[in-house]
C-alpha cells in the first residue's frame, strides 16, 4: 500500500520513471510498467534490510 501511494505521489510530481521503464501511449490507451524503478527499489530495500539485520 505504501509503495502504491509513493507511485501516485511521484506521478503527480511529473516523475516519469527511470530509463528502461515501459511506457506505451496510444490514442485512447496508455500503459506504464515501471520495471527498472521496481528493480532499483527492490535493491535499495534489500540493502537496507541487510544493514539493519547485522
N, C-alpha and C. Protein backbone atom coordinates (compact mmCIF):
# COMPACT_ATOMS: atom_id res chain seq x y z
N UNK A 1 0.83 -1.19 0.00
CA UNK A 1 0.00 0.00 0.00
C UNK A 1 0.87 1.25 0.00
N UNK A 2 1.90 1.24 0.80
CA UNK A 2 2.79 2.39 0.87
C UNK A 2 3.48 2.62 -0.47
N UNK A 3 3.87 1.54 -1.13
CA UNK A 3 4.52 1.66 -2.43
C UNK A 3 3.57 2.23 -3.47
N UNK A 4 2.32 1.85 -3.42
CA UNK A 4 1.32 2.38 -4.34
C UNK A 4 1.13 3.87 -4.15
N UNK A 5 1.08 4.31 -2.90
CA UNK A 5 0.96 5.75 -2.62
C UNK A 5 2.19 6.51 -3.09
N UNK A 6 3.34 5.89 -2.97
CA UNK A 6 4.57 6.52 -3.45
C UNK A 6 4.53 6.73 -4.95
N UNK A 7 4.06 5.73 -5.70
CA UNK A 7 3.96 5.86 -7.15
C UNK A 7 2.95 6.94 -7.54
N UNK A 8 1.85 7.04 -6.80
CA UNK A 8 0.85 8.07 -7.09
C UNK A 8 1.44 9.46 -6.85
N UNK A 9 2.15 9.63 -5.73
CA UNK A 9 2.75 10.92 -5.44
C UNK A 9 3.83 11.29 -6.46
N UNK A 10 4.65 10.33 -6.85
CA UNK A 10 5.67 10.61 -7.85
C UNK A 10 5.06 10.94 -9.20
N UNK A 11 3.94 10.32 -9.52
CA UNK A 11 3.25 10.61 -10.76
C UNK A 11 2.70 12.03 -10.79
N UNK A 12 2.23 12.50 -9.65
CA UNK A 12 1.72 13.87 -9.56
C UNK A 12 2.83 14.90 -9.62
N UNK A 13 4.06 14.50 -9.28
CA UNK A 13 5.19 15.40 -9.33
C UNK A 13 5.92 15.31 -10.67
N UNK A 14 5.26 14.72 -11.67
CA UNK A 14 5.81 14.55 -13.02
C UNK A 14 7.08 13.71 -13.05
N UNK A 15 7.17 12.75 -12.14
CA UNK A 15 8.26 11.78 -12.18
C UNK A 15 7.87 10.71 -13.18
N UNK A 16 8.60 10.65 -14.30
CA UNK A 16 8.22 9.72 -15.35
C UNK A 16 8.95 8.39 -15.25
N UNK A 17 9.77 8.21 -14.25
CA UNK A 17 10.46 6.94 -14.08
C UNK A 17 11.88 6.97 -14.59
N UNK A 18 12.49 5.83 -14.55
CA UNK A 18 13.87 5.69 -14.98
C UNK A 18 13.92 5.19 -16.42
N UNK A 19 15.07 5.33 -17.03
CA UNK A 19 15.25 4.79 -18.38
C UNK A 19 15.12 3.28 -18.31
N UNK A 20 14.36 2.72 -19.20
CA UNK A 20 14.13 1.28 -19.20
C UNK A 20 12.74 0.91 -18.74
N UNK A 21 12.02 1.85 -18.12
CA UNK A 21 10.63 1.60 -17.78
C UNK A 21 9.81 1.57 -19.07
N UNK A 22 8.80 0.75 -19.09
CA UNK A 22 8.00 0.56 -20.30
C UNK A 22 6.82 1.53 -20.28
N UNK A 23 6.71 2.34 -21.34
CA UNK A 23 5.62 3.29 -21.48
C UNK A 23 5.08 3.19 -22.90
N UNK A 24 3.81 2.82 -23.01
CA UNK A 24 3.16 2.71 -24.31
C UNK A 24 1.98 3.67 -24.31
N UNK A 25 1.98 4.61 -25.24
CA UNK A 25 0.88 5.57 -25.37
C UNK A 25 0.24 5.40 -26.73
N UNK A 26 -1.05 5.23 -26.72
CA UNK A 26 -1.85 5.16 -27.94
C UNK A 26 -2.89 6.28 -27.85
N UNK A 27 -3.77 6.30 -28.83
CA UNK A 27 -4.77 7.36 -28.88
C UNK A 27 -5.67 7.38 -27.64
N UNK A 28 -6.24 6.26 -27.28
CA UNK A 28 -7.14 6.19 -26.13
C UNK A 28 -6.63 5.24 -25.04
N UNK A 29 -5.35 5.01 -25.02
CA UNK A 29 -4.80 4.00 -24.12
C UNK A 29 -3.39 4.37 -23.73
N UNK A 30 -3.06 4.18 -22.47
CA UNK A 30 -1.67 4.33 -22.03
C UNK A 30 -1.36 3.22 -21.04
N UNK A 31 -0.15 2.70 -21.15
CA UNK A 31 0.29 1.59 -20.30
C UNK A 31 1.68 1.93 -19.79
N UNK A 32 1.87 1.87 -18.47
CA UNK A 32 3.15 2.17 -17.85
C UNK A 32 3.52 1.02 -16.95
N UNK A 33 4.68 0.43 -17.18
CA UNK A 33 5.18 -0.66 -16.35
C UNK A 33 6.58 -0.28 -15.87
N UNK A 34 6.72 0.10 -14.60
CA UNK A 34 7.99 0.61 -14.08
C UNK A 34 8.96 -0.51 -13.67
N UNK A 35 9.42 -1.29 -14.63
CA UNK A 35 10.27 -2.45 -14.32
C UNK A 35 11.61 -2.04 -13.71
N UNK A 36 12.28 -1.06 -14.27
CA UNK A 36 13.59 -0.65 -13.76
C UNK A 36 13.43 0.04 -12.40
N UNK A 37 12.39 0.85 -12.26
CA UNK A 37 12.14 1.50 -10.99
C UNK A 37 11.89 0.47 -9.89
N UNK A 38 11.13 -0.57 -10.20
CA UNK A 38 10.86 -1.63 -9.22
C UNK A 38 12.14 -2.38 -8.83
N UNK A 39 13.00 -2.62 -9.81
CA UNK A 39 14.27 -3.30 -9.52
C UNK A 39 15.14 -2.46 -8.61
N UNK A 40 15.23 -1.16 -8.89
CA UNK A 40 16.05 -0.27 -8.06
C UNK A 40 15.50 -0.18 -6.64
N UNK A 41 14.18 -0.05 -6.51
CA UNK A 41 13.57 0.00 -5.18
C UNK A 41 13.80 -1.30 -4.43
N UNK A 42 13.70 -2.43 -5.13
CA UNK A 42 13.94 -3.73 -4.50
C UNK A 42 15.39 -3.85 -4.01
N UNK A 43 16.33 -3.40 -4.81
CA UNK A 43 17.74 -3.44 -4.39
C UNK A 43 17.99 -2.57 -3.17
N UNK A 44 17.41 -1.38 -3.15
CA UNK A 44 17.61 -0.47 -2.02
C UNK A 44 17.00 -1.06 -0.75
N UNK A 45 15.80 -1.61 -0.85
CA UNK A 45 15.16 -2.21 0.32
C UNK A 45 15.95 -3.42 0.81
N UNK A 46 16.46 -4.24 -0.10
CA UNK A 46 17.27 -5.40 0.29
C UNK A 46 18.54 -4.97 1.00
N UNK A 47 19.19 -3.93 0.49
CA UNK A 47 20.40 -3.42 1.14
C UNK A 47 20.10 -2.89 2.54
N UNK A 48 18.99 -2.18 2.68
CA UNK A 48 18.62 -1.66 4.00
C UNK A 48 18.32 -2.78 4.98
N UNK A 49 17.60 -3.81 4.54
CA UNK A 49 17.33 -4.94 5.43
C UNK A 49 18.62 -5.65 5.84
N UNK A 50 19.55 -5.80 4.91
CA UNK A 50 20.82 -6.45 5.23
C UNK A 50 21.63 -5.61 6.21
N UNK A 51 21.59 -4.30 6.08
CA UNK A 51 22.32 -3.45 7.01
C UNK A 51 21.73 -3.49 8.41
N UNK A 52 20.42 -3.50 8.51
CA UNK A 52 19.78 -3.50 9.83
C UNK A 52 19.77 -4.87 10.48
N UNK A 53 19.93 -5.93 9.70
CA UNK A 53 19.96 -7.27 10.27
C UNK A 53 21.25 -7.52 11.02
N UNK A 54 22.31 -6.90 10.61
CA UNK A 54 23.63 -7.14 11.26
C UNK A 54 23.78 -6.41 12.54
